Amino acid sequence: MMNDQASKLRNLVEKMKVEKDKGKKERNTKSKGAYIYTVTSGKGGVGKSNFTANLALALNALGKKVIVLDADLGMANLDVILGVTPTYNLEHVMQGRKTLQEVIVEGPNGLSLIPGGSGIQELANLSQYQINNLISDFVRVGEEFDIILIDTGAGLAHNVVNFILGADEAIVISTPEPTSITDAYGVVKVISKHDREANIKLVINQAENEREGERIANRLIKTAYDFLELDIELLGVIPKDNAVVKSVMSRSPFLLEFPRAKVSKSINLTAAKLVDAEVCQDSEGIRGLFNRFLGI
């Protein structure tokens, strides 16, 4: 029964791939779909969601069309950070009450958000009908964006690992605290066990200064290379800044509330580094995400 379902889903994905590629040739575009980043961490309290929200806005300001999926089951709070109040979430899509397009919320500066809710947990229990509809929905939405940022829960829950493996790249967030670094390495270790060629980027958040952040990052990067034979890239060092706390209290992203703050400048540099990498043409897109998420 399960093999039959997987076979049907593979056929559906291939069919959508052919139809999507055909449509793209007709539109004479080189785009291969949205590039997918999963933002994750080994433990909570490292500023992962705040980083995700503001990175999305920074990428948006650089001309990238970005949508964020809030896939953090335990602490879903991107709506609060972005100052929006969703009426519906992914759970309503799973139940067939809304389409994916209908639950998308517009945030600051035209940024788009998909509120996850408990719908993320239900991904593992979908019927064939729900799978068909969801993939079709995501493919349509993915065609409209350059980048999808997935804000996962902290730790190594099954759905978190699947999102990491399904994305084009993983961005692992850590603070300078020893426990946070240890947990971040744990995430990297699990990723490497499943995918020896995974693209992983590291961000040190809440650093006292750039030198401290780089020192800590280099130590983790060396450990990963020595023991896991895995190359990790330092994406950025984000400084500790009171602007972050103030922006949370005002329900407004610090990038918009305090654009000249140190933390805002660091986020802008981080976003520019991603854009300069010019990797968005090699994405497997939504089809790749679901292929790996569902193990097909």
C-alpha atoms as a PDB file:
ATOM      1  CA  MET A   1       0.000   0.000   0.000  1.00  0.00           C
ATOM      2  CA  MET A   2       2.759   2.411   0.979  1.00  0.00           C
ATOM      3  CA  ASN A   3       4.859   1.455  -2.067  1.00  0.00           C
ATOM      4  CA  ASP A   4       1.846   2.010  -4.294  1.00  0.00           C
ATOM      5  CA  GLN A   5       1.299   5.461  -2.763  1.00  0.00           C
ATOM      6  CA  ALA A   6       4.945   6.368  -3.242  1.00  0.00           C
ATOM      7  CA  SER A   7       4.778   5.200  -6.863  1.00  0.00           C
ATOM      8  CA  LYS A   8       1.724   7.349  -7.534  1.00  0.00           C
ATOM      9  CA  LEU A   9       3.394  10.341  -5.925  1.00  0.00           C
ATOM     10  CA  ARG A  10       6.545   9.855  -7.983  1.00  0.00           C
ATOM     11  CA  ASN A  11       4.441   9.774 -11.137  1.00  0.00           C
ATOM     12  CA  LEU A  12       2.610  12.931 -10.054  1.00  0.00           C
ATOM     13  CA  VAL A  13       5.840  14.763  -9.348  1.00  0.00           C
ATOM     14  CA  GLU A  14       7.287  13.737 -12.722  1.00  0.00           C
ATOM     15  CA  LYS A  15       4.111  14.836 -14.489  1.00  0.00           C
ATOM     16  CA  MET A  16       4.220  18.232 -12.798  1.00  0.00           C
ATOM     17  CA  LYS A  17       7.914  18.517 -13.664  1.00  0.00           C
ATOM     18  CA  VAL A  18       7.201  17.966 -17.372  1.00  0.00           C
ATOM     19  CA  GLU A  19       4.265  20.383 -17.361  1.00  0.00           C
ATOM     20  CA  LYS A  20       6.205  23.015 -15.427  1.00  0.00           C
ATOM     21  CA  ASP A  21       9.278  22.717 -17.696  1.00  0.00           C
ATOM     22  CA  LYS A  22       7.054  22.943 -20.761  1.00  0.00           C
ATOM     23  CA  GLY A  23       5.427  26.097 -19.416  1.00  0.00           C
ATOM     24  CA  LYS A  24       8.797  27.617 -18.667  1.00  0.00           C
ATOM     25  CA  LYS A  25      10.051  26.986 -22.200  1.00  0.00           C
ATOM     26  CA  GLU A  26       6.987  28.731 -23.513  1.00  0.00           C
ATOM     27  CA  ARG A  27       7.728  31.700 -21.241  1.00  0.00           C
ATOM     28  CA  ASN A  28      11.429  31.551 -22.276  1.00  0.00           C
ATOM     29  CA  THR A  29      12.721  31.729 -18.716  1.00  0.00           C
ATOM     30  CA  LYS A  30      15.771  30.061 -17.148  1.00  0.00           C
ATOM     31  CA  SER A  31      14.324  29.878 -13.646  1.00  0.00           C
ATOM     32  CA  LYS A  32      14.197  26.421 -12.065  1.00  0.00           C
ATOM     33  CA  GLY A  33      11.964  27.318  -9.168  1.00  0.00           C
ATOM     34  CA  ALA A  34      12.439  28.904  -5.788  1.00  0.00           C
ATOM     35  CA  TYR A  35      15.704  28.203  -3.972  1.00  0.00           C
ATOM     36  CA  ILE A  36      14.955  26.698  -0.560  1.00  0.00           C
ATOM     37  CA  TYR A  37      16.845  27.493   2.635  1.00  0.00           C
ATOM     38  CA  THR A  38      16.028  25.761   5.907  1.00  0.00           C
ATOM     39  CA  VAL A  39      16.955  27.826   8.968  1.00  0.00           C
ATOM     40  CA  THR A  40      17.498  25.647  12.019  1.00  0.00           C
ATOM     41  CA  SER A  41      19.321  25.397  15.353  1.00  0.00           C
ATOM     42  CA  GLY A  42      20.310  22.798  17.902  1.00  0.00           C
ATOM     43  CA  LYS A  43      18.461  24.514  20.747  1.00  0.00           C
ATOM     44  CA  GLY A  44      15.872  27.197  21.309  1.00  0.00           C
ATOM     45  CA  GLY A  45      16.556  30.758  22.387  1.00  0.00           C
ATOM     46  CA  VAL A  46      19.270  31.499  19.822  1.00  0.00           C
ATOM     47  CA  GLY A  47      17.250  34.049  17.842  1.00  0.00           C
ATOM     48  CA  LYS A  48      16.538  31.762  14.901  1.00  0.00           C
ATOM     49  CA  SER A  49      13.087  33.115  14.009  1.00  0.00           C
ATOM     50  CA  ASN A  50      14.181  36.724  14.386  1.00  0.00           C
ATOM     51  CA  PHE A  51      17.100  36.013  12.086  1.00  0.00           C
ATOM     52  CA  THR A  52      14.810  34.341   9.538  1.00  0.00           C
ATOM     53  CA  ALA A  53      12.284  37.180   9.466  1.00  0.00           C
ATOM     54  CA  ASN A  54      14.880  39.902   9.063  1.00  0.00           C
ATOM     55  CA  LEU A  55      16.956  37.928   6.555  1.00  0.00           C
ATOM     56  CA  ALA A  56      13.802  37.539   4.460  1.00  0.00           C
ATOM     57  CA  LEU A  57      13.240  41.292   4.527  1.00  0.00           C
ATOM     58  CA  ALA A  58      16.878  41.973   3.629  1.00  0.00           C
ATOM     59  CA  LEU A  59      16.705  39.576   0.678  1.00  0.00           C
ATOM     60  CA  ASN A  60      13.445  41.195  -0.353  1.00  0.00           C
ATOM     61  CA  ALA A  61      15.130  44.610  -0.325  1.00  0.00           C
ATOM     62  CA  LEU A  62      17.814  43.227  -2.647  1.00  0.00           C
ATOM     63  CA  GLY A  63      15.190  42.433  -5.250  1.00  0.00           C
ATOM     64  CA  LYS A  64      14.482  38.804  -4.378  1.00  0.00           C
ATOM     65  CA  LYS A  65      10.869  37.698  -4.097  1.00  0.00           C
ATOM     66  CA  VAL A  66      10.778  35.817  -0.787  1.00  0.00           C
ATOM     67  CA  ILE A  67       8.215  33.707   1.045  1.00  0.00           C
ATOM     68  CA  VAL A  68       8.707  32.321   4.570  1.00  0.00           C
ATOM     69  CA  LEU A  69       7.197  29.078   5.889  1.00  0.00           C
ATOM     70  CA  ASP A  70       6.834  29.032   9.672  1.00  0.00           C
ATOM     71  CA  ALA A  71       7.532  25.365  10.403  1.00  0.00           C
ATOM     72  CA  ASP A  72       8.408  25.796  14.086  1.00  0.00           C
ATOM     73  CA  LEU A  73       5.824  23.624  15.859  1.00  0.00           C
ATOM     74  CA  GLY A  74       6.639  24.542  19.418  1.00  0.00           C
ATOM     75  CA  MET A  75       7.430  28.242  19.161  1.00  0.00           C
ATOM     76  CA  ALA A  76       5.796  29.497  15.957  1.00  0.00           C
ATOM     77  CA  ASN A  77       6.144  33.265  16.302  1.00  0.00           C
ATOM     78  CA  LEU A  78       7.110  34.680  12.923  1.00  0.00           C
ATOM     79  CA  ASP A  79       3.716  36.369  12.757  1.00  0.00           C
ATOM     80  CA  VAL A  80       4.513  38.254  15.973  1.00  0.00           C
ATOM     81  CA  ILE A  81       7.979  39.248  14.759  1.00  0.00           C
ATOM     82  CA  LEU A  82       6.571  40.464  11.449  1.00  0.00           C
ATOM     83  CA  GLY A  83       3.624  42.203  13.107  1.00  0.00           C
ATOM     84  CA  VAL A  84       0.891  40.276  11.272  1.00  0.00           C
ATOM     85  CA  THR A  85      -2.168  38.369  12.509  1.00  0.00           C
ATOM     86  CA  PRO A  86      -2.943  35.283  10.389  1.00  0.00           C
ATOM     87  CA  THR A  87      -6.512  34.032  10.187  1.00  0.00           C
ATOM     88  CA  TYR A  88      -5.603  30.695   8.638  1.00  0.00           C
ATOM     89  CA  ASN A  89      -2.553  28.415   8.537  1.00  0.00           C
ATOM     90  CA  LEU A  90      -1.249  25.258   6.890  1.00  0.00           C
ATOM     91  CA  GLU A  91      -3.601  23.124   8.978  1.00  0.00           C
ATOM     92  CA  HIS A  92      -6.564  24.589   7.069  1.00  0.00           C
ATOM     93  CA  VAL A  93      -4.868  23.555   3.826  1.00  0.00           C
ATOM     94  CA  MET A  94      -4.418  19.997   5.108  1.00  0.00           C
ATOM     95  CA  GLN A  95      -8.088  19.857   5.996  1.00  0.00           C
ATOM     96  CA  GLY A  96      -9.051  20.986   2.504  1.00  0.00           C
ATOM     97  CA  ARG A  97     -10.741  24.106   3.847  1.00  0.00           C
ATOM     98  CA  LYS A  98      -8.328  26.541   2.197  1.00  0.00           C
ATOM     99  CA  THR A  99      -5.815  26.516  -0.631  1.00  0.00           C
ATOM    100  CA  LEU A 100      -2.201  27.363   0.077  1.00  0.00           C
ATOM    101  CA  GLN A 101      -2.627  30.685  -1.708  1.00  0.00           C
ATOM    102  CA  GLU A 102      -5.517  31.560   0.613  1.00  0.00           C
ATOM    103  CA  VAL A 103      -3.494  31.158   3.833  1.00  0.00           C
ATOM    104  CA  ILE A 104      -0.518  33.253   2.686  1.00  0.00           C
ATOM    105  CA  VAL A 105      -0.247  36.447   4.716  1.00  0.00           C
ATOM    106  CA  GLU A 106       1.371  39.606   3.390  1.00  0.00           C
ATOM    107  CA  GLY A 107       3.895  41.054   5.798  1.00  0.00           C
ATOM    108  CA  PRO A 108       6.006  44.219   5.789  1.00  0.00           C
ATOM    109  CA  ASN A 109       7.262  45.477   2.413  1.00  0.00           C
ATOM    110  CA  GLY A 110       5.302  42.820   0.544  1.00  0.00           C
ATOM    111  CA  LEU A 111       7.038  39.879   2.248  1.00  0.00           C
ATOM    112  CA  SER A 112       4.905  36.706   2.183  1.00  0.00           C
ATOM    113  CA  LEU A 113       4.378  34.307   5.096  1.00  0.00           C
ATOM    114  CA  ILE A 114       2.844  30.829   5.277  1.00  0.00           C
ATOM    115  CA  PRO A 115       1.765  30.265   8.906  1.00  0.00           C
ATOM    116  CA  GLY A 116       2.448  26.616   9.750  1.00  0.00           C
ATOM    117  CA  GLY A 117       0.446  25.813  12.867  1.00  0.00           C
ATOM    118  CA  SER A 118      -0.065  22.109  13.562  1.00  0.00           C
ATOM    119  CA  GLY A 119      -0.267  21.517   9.829  1.00  0.00           C
ATOM    120  CA  ILE A 120       3.474  20.793   9.745  1.00  0.00           C
ATOM    121  CA  GLN A 121       3.041  17.810  12.061  1.00  0.00           C
ATOM    122  CA  GLU A 122       0.233  16.456   9.900  1.00  0.00           C
ATOM    123  CA  LEU A 123       2.464  16.224   6.818  1.00  0.00           C
ATOM    124  CA  ALA A 124       3.441  12.687   7.815  1.00  0.00           C
ATOM    125  CA  ASN A 125      -0.187  11.514   7.829  1.00  0.00           C
ATOM    126  CA  LEU A 126      -1.473  12.790   4.502  1.00  0.00           C
ATOM    127  CA  SER A 127      -3.809  10.844   2.253  1.00  0.00           C
ATOM    128  CA  GLN A 128      -3.013  10.480  -1.456  1.00  0.00           C
ATOM    129  CA  TYR A 129      -5.615  13.136  -2.248  1.00  0.00           C
ATOM    130  CA  GLN A 130      -4.077  15.591   0.227  1.00  0.00           C
ATOM    131  CA  ILE A 131      -0.571  14.913  -1.081  1.00  0.00           C
ATOM    132  CA  ASN A 132      -1.668  15.588  -4.656  1.00  0.00           C
ATOM    133  CA  ASN A 133      -3.362  18.856  -3.728  1.00  0.00           C
ATOM    134  CA  LEU A 134      -0.542  20.049  -1.487  1.00  0.00           C
ATOM    135  CA  ILE A 135       2.217  19.443  -4.019  1.00  0.00           C
ATOM    136  CA  SER A 136       0.179  21.146  -6.733  1.00  0.00           C
ATOM    137  CA  ASP A 137      -0.400  24.107  -4.420  1.00  0.00           C
ATOM    138  CA  PHE A 138       3.261  24.396  -3.452  1.00  0.00           C
ATOM    139  CA  VAL A 139       4.456  24.126  -7.054  1.00  0.00           C
ATOM    140  CA  ARG A 140       2.149  26.966  -8.092  1.00  0.00           C
ATOM    141  CA  VAL A 141       3.273  29.128  -5.181  1.00  0.00           C
ATOM    142  CA  GLY A 142       6.948  28.258  -5.695  1.00  0.00           C
ATOM    143  CA  GLU A 143       6.819  29.515  -9.269  1.00  0.00           C
ATOM    144  CA  GLU A 144       6.026  32.989  -7.988  1.00  0.00           C
ATOM    145  CA  PHE A 145       9.070  33.321  -5.699  1.00  0.00           C
ATOM    146  CA  ASP A 146      12.859  33.340  -5.939  1.00  0.00           C
ATOM    147  CA  ILE A 147      13.551  32.123  -2.405  1.00  0.00           C
ATOM    148  CA  ILE A 148      11.681  30.075   0.201  1.00  0.00           C
ATOM    149  CA  LEU A 149      12.916  30.330   3.798  1.00  0.00           C
ATOM    150  CA  ILE A 150      11.725  27.551   6.114  1.00  0.00           C
ATOM    151  CA  ASP A 151      11.952  28.384   9.817  1.00  0.00           C
ATOM    152  CA  THR A 152      12.058  24.992  11.537  1.00  0.00           C
ATOM    153  CA  GLY A 153      11.787  24.085  15.176  1.00  0.00           C
ATOM    154  CA  ALA A 154      14.960  23.776  17.236  1.00  0.00           C
ATOM    155  CA  GLY A 155      16.499  20.372  17.809  1.00  0.00           C
ATOM    156  CA  LEU A 156      16.369  17.145  15.855  1.00  0.00           C
ATOM    157  CA  ALA A 157      12.711  16.148  15.677  1.00  0.00           C
ATOM    158  CA  HIS A 158      11.820  13.975  12.673  1.00  0.00           C
ATOM    159  CA  ASN A 159      10.025  16.727  10.752  1.00  0.00           C
ATOM    160  CA  VAL A 160      12.898  19.161  11.370  1.00  0.00           C
ATOM    161  CA  VAL A 161      15.467  16.759   9.918  1.00  0.00           C
ATOM    162  CA  ASN A 162      13.236  16.095   6.904  1.00  0.00           C
ATOM    163  CA  PHE A 163      12.906  19.803   6.180  1.00  0.00           C
ATOM    164  CA  ILE A 164      16.678  20.218   6.448  1.00  0.00           C
ATOM    165  CA  LEU A 165      17.339  17.330   4.068  1.00  0.00           C
ATOM    166  CA  GLY A 166      14.669  18.495   1.643  1.00  0.00           C
ATOM    167  CA  ALA A 167      16.033  22.024   1.278  1.00  0.00           C
ATOM    168  CA  ASP A 168      18.751  23.164  -1.097  1.00  0.00           C
ATOM    169  CA  GLU A 169      20.797  24.517   1.807  1.00  0.00           C
ATOM    170  CA  ALA A 170      20.651  24.526   5.593  1.00  0.00           C
ATOM    171  CA  ILE A 171      21.495  27.596   7.664  1.00  0.00           C
ATOM    172  CA  VAL A 172      22.445  26.539  11.198  1.00  0.00           C
ATOM    173  CA  ILE A 173      22.166  29.214  13.894  1.00  0.00           C
ATOM    174  CA  SER A 174      24.266  29.160  17.064  1.00  0.00           C
ATOM    175  CA  THR A 175      25.199  31.617  19.779  1.00  0.00           C
ATOM    176  CA  PRO A 176      28.657  31.775  21.416  1.00  0.00           C
ATOM    177  CA  GLU A 177      27.383  29.774  24.410  1.00  0.00           C
ATOM    178  CA  PRO A 178      29.114  26.372  24.736  1.00  0.00           C
ATOM    179  CA  THR A 179      25.808  24.464  24.945  1.00  0.00           C
ATOM    180  CA  SER A 180      24.527  26.176  21.810  1.00  0.00           C
ATOM    181  CA  ILE A 181      27.720  25.358  19.908  1.00  0.00           C
ATOM    182  CA  THR A 182      27.551  21.723  21.028  1.00  0.00           C
ATOM    183  CA  ASP A 183      23.926  21.455  19.930  1.00  0.00           C
ATOM    184  CA  ALA A 184      24.682  23.132  16.602  1.00  0.00           C
ATOM    185  CA  TYR A 185      27.415  20.565  15.978  1.00  0.00           C
ATOM    186  CA  GLY A 186      24.868  17.863  16.810  1.00  0.00           C
ATOM    187  CA  VAL A 187      22.618  19.167  14.040  1.00  0.00           C
ATOM    188  CA  VAL A 188      25.516  19.225  11.584  1.00  0.00           C
ATOM    189  CA  LYS A 189      26.448  15.665  12.556  1.00  0.00           C
ATOM    190  CA  VAL A 190      22.924  14.378  11.903  1.00  0.00           C
ATOM    191  CA  ILE A 191      22.762  16.169   8.554  1.00  0.00           C
ATOM    192  CA  SER A 192      26.091  14.655   7.498  1.00  0.00           C
ATOM    193  CA  LYS A 193      24.891  11.175   8.455  1.00  0.00           C
ATOM    194  CA  HIS A 194      22.034  11.482   5.952  1.00  0.00           C
ATOM    195  CA  ASP A 195      23.777  13.567   3.296  1.00  0.00           C
ATOM    196  CA  ARG A 196      27.555  13.675   2.973  1.00  0.00           C
ATOM    197  CA  GLU A 197      27.348  16.452   0.388  1.00  0.00           C
ATOM    198  CA  ALA A 198      24.890  18.689   2.220  1.00  0.00           C
ATOM    199  CA  ASN A 199      25.238  22.433   1.756  1.00  0.00           C
ATOM    200  CA  ILE A 200      25.469  23.898   5.252  1.00  0.00           C
ATOM    201  CA  LYS A 201      26.026  27.491   6.252  1.00  0.00           C
ATOM    202  CA  LEU A 202      26.736  28.653   9.805  1.00  0.00           C
ATOM    203  CA  VAL A 203      25.585  31.840  11.501  1.00  0.00           C
ATOM    204  CA  ILE A 204      26.874  32.918  14.909  1.00  0.00           C
ATOM    205  CA  ASN A 205      24.160  35.059  16.476  1.00  0.00           C
ATOM    206  CA  GLN A 206      24.300  37.359  19.517  1.00  0.00           C
ATOM    207  CA  ALA A 207      28.093  37.650  19.333  1.00  0.00           C
ATOM    208  CA  GLU A 208      29.902  40.257  21.428  1.00  0.00           C
ATOM    209  CA  ASN A 209      31.904  41.228  18.362  1.00  0.00           C
ATOM    210  CA  GLU A 210      32.829  39.904  14.934  1.00  0.00           C
ATOM    211  CA  ARG A 211      36.185  38.581  16.079  1.00  0.00           C
ATOM    212  CA  GLU A 212      34.569  36.442  18.787  1.00  0.00           C
ATOM    213  CA  GLY A 213      31.986  35.135  16.342  1.00  0.00           C
ATOM    214  CA  GLU A 214      34.573  34.199  13.728  1.00  0.00           C
ATOM    215  CA  ARG A 215      36.757  32.463  16.314  1.00  0.00           C
ATOM    216  CA  ILE A 216      33.869  30.310  17.522  1.00  0.00           C
ATOM    217  CA  ALA A 217      32.674  29.605  13.996  1.00  0.00           C
ATOM    218  CA  ASN A 218      36.118  28.568  12.790  1.00  0.00           C
ATOM    219  CA  ARG A 219      36.438  26.124  15.675  1.00  0.00           C
ATOM    220  CA  LEU A 220      33.121  24.475  14.808  1.00  0.00           C
ATOM    221  CA  ILE A 221      33.951  24.461  11.095  1.00  0.00           C
ATOM    222  CA  LYS A 222      37.323  22.785  11.782  1.00  0.00           C
ATOM    223  CA  THR A 223      35.707  20.167  14.024  1.00  0.00           C
ATOM    224  CA  ALA A 224      33.142  19.337  11.347  1.00  0.00           C
ATOM    225  CA  TYR A 225      35.877  18.980   8.740  1.00  0.00           C
ATOM    226  CA  ASP A 226      38.198  16.898  10.943  1.00  0.00           C
ATOM    227  CA  PHE A 227      35.590  14.472  12.286  1.00  0.00           C
ATOM    228  CA  LEU A 228      32.825  14.520   9.661  1.00  0.00           C
ATOM    229  CA  GLU A 229      34.817  15.443   6.540  1.00  0.00           C
ATOM    230  CA  LEU A 230      32.196  18.095   5.924  1.00  0.00           C
ATOM    231  CA  ASP A 231      32.828  21.590   4.597  1.00  0.00           C
ATOM    232  CA  ILE A 232      30.762  24.286   6.306  1.00  0.00           C
ATOM    233  CA  GLU A 233      30.733  27.918   5.281  1.00  0.00           C
ATOM    234  CA  LEU A 234      30.492  30.824   7.710  1.00  0.00           C
ATOM    235  CA  LEU A 235      27.596  32.867   6.390  1.00  0.00           C
ATOM    236  CA  GLY A 236      27.673  35.640   8.959  1.00  0.00           C
ATOM    237  CA  VAL A 237      28.275  36.920  12.476  1.00  0.00           C
ATOM    238  CA  ILE A 238      25.320  38.787  13.958  1.00  0.00           C
ATOM    239  CA  PRO A 239      26.150  41.026  16.949  1.00  0.00           C
ATOM    240  CA  LYS A 240      24.281  41.249  20.215  1.00  0.00           C
ATOM    241  CA  ASP A 241      22.164  44.406  19.983  1.00  0.00           C
ATOM    242  CA  ASN A 242      19.446  45.966  22.161  1.00  0.00           C
ATOM    243  CA  ALA A 243      17.624  46.876  18.954  1.00  0.00           C
ATOM    244  CA  VAL A 244      16.493  43.245  18.724  1.00  0.00           C
ATOM    245  CA  VAL A 245      14.695  43.300  22.084  1.00  0.00           C
ATOM    246  CA  LYS A 246      13.148  46.691  21.381  1.00  0.00           C
ATOM    247  CA  SER A 247      11.860  45.566  17.999  1.00  0.00           C
ATOM    248  CA  VAL A 248      10.246  42.441  19.455  1.00  0.00           C
ATOM    249  CA  MET A 249       8.425  44.561  22.025  1.00  0.00           C
ATOM    250  CA  SER A 250       7.119  46.818  19.259  1.00  0.00           C
ATOM    251  CA  ARG A 251       6.139  43.857  17.018  1.00  0.00           C
ATOM    252  CA  SER A 252       8.241  45.207  14.196  1.00  0.00           C
ATOM    253  CA  PRO A 253      11.361  43.653  12.583  1.00  0.00           C
ATOM    254  CA  PHE A 254      14.570  45.358  13.715  1.00  0.00           C
ATOM    255  CA  LEU A 255      15.634  45.819  10.095  1.00  0.00           C
ATOM    256  CA  LEU A 256      12.704  48.192   9.627  1.00  0.00           C
ATOM    257  CA  GLU A 257      12.538  49.645  13.126  1.00  0.00           C
ATOM    258  CA  PHE A 258      16.283  50.277  13.491  1.00  0.00           C
ATOM    259  CA  PRO A 259      17.810  50.183   9.989  1.00  0.00           C
ATOM    260  CA  ARG A 260      21.090  51.763  11.137  1.00  0.00           C
ATOM    261  CA  ALA A 261      21.653  49.421  14.076  1.00  0.00           C
ATOM    262  CA  LYS A 262      24.673  47.105  14.059  1.00  0.00           C
ATOM    263  CA  VAL A 263      22.447  44.060  13.858  1.00  0.00           C
ATOM    264  CA  SER A 264      20.625  45.441  10.816  1.00  0.00           C
ATOM    265  CA  LYS A 265      23.881  46.132   8.994  1.00  0.00           C
ATOM    266  CA  SER A 266      25.016  42.564   9.702  1.00  0.00           C
ATOM    267  CA  ILE A 267      21.780  41.088   8.383  1.00  0.00           C
ATOM    268  CA  ASN A 268      22.095  43.152   5.212  1.00  0.00           C
ATOM    269  CA  LEU A 269      25.650  41.898   4.696  1.00  0.00           C
ATOM    270  CA  THR A 270      24.492  38.322   5.254  1.00  0.00           C
ATOM    271  CA  ALA A 271      21.698  38.686   2.705  1.00  0.00           C
ATOM    272  CA  ALA A 272      24.100  40.231   0.194  1.00  0.00           C
ATOM    273  CA  LYS A 273      26.436  37.273   0.635  1.00  0.00           C
ATOM    274  CA  LEU A 274      23.630  34.862  -0.247  1.00  0.00           C
ATOM    275  CA  VAL A 275      22.636  36.855  -3.307  1.00  0.00           C
ATOM    276  CA  ASP A 276      26.254  37.203  -4.462  1.00  0.00           C
ATOM    277  CA  ALA A 277      26.637  33.415  -4.357  1.00  0.00           C
ATOM    278  CA  GLU A 278      24.348  33.239  -7.404  1.00  0.00           C
ATOM    279  CA  VAL A 279      23.253  29.704  -6.648  1.00  0.00           C
ATOM    280  CA  CYS A 280      19.538  30.132  -7.166  1.00  0.00           C
ATOM    281  CA  GLN A 281      19.656  28.635 -10.673  1.00  0.00           C
ATOM    282  CA  ASP A 282      20.492  25.140  -9.390  1.00  0.00           C
ATOM    283  CA  SER A 283      17.533  24.511  -7.109  1.00  0.00           C
ATOM    284  CA  GLU A 284      15.477  21.319  -7.197  1.00  0.00           C
ATOM    285  CA  GLY A 285      12.631  23.497  -5.989  1.00  0.00           C
ATOM    286  CA  ILE A 286       9.400  22.295  -4.414  1.00  0.00           C
ATOM    287  CA  ARG A 287       9.534  18.905  -6.112  1.00  0.00           C
ATOM    288  CA  GLY A 288      12.922  18.209  -4.571  1.00  0.00           C
ATOM    289  CA  LEU A 289      11.696  19.292  -1.143  1.00  0.00           C
ATOM    290  CA  PHE A 290       8.741  16.910  -1.187  1.00  0.00           C
ATOM    291  CA  ASN A 291      10.719  14.072  -2.748  1.00  0.00           C
ATOM    292  CA  ARG A 292      13.160  14.149   0.150  1.00  0.00           C
ATOM    293  CA  PHE A 293      10.677  15.118   2.851  1.00  0.00           C
ATOM    294  CA  LEU A 294       8.435  12.157   2.019  1.00  0.00           C
ATOM    295  CA  GLY A 295      11.350   9.839   1.258  1.00  0.00           C
ATOM    296  CA  ILE A 296      10.433   9.079  -2.351  1.00  0.00           C
END
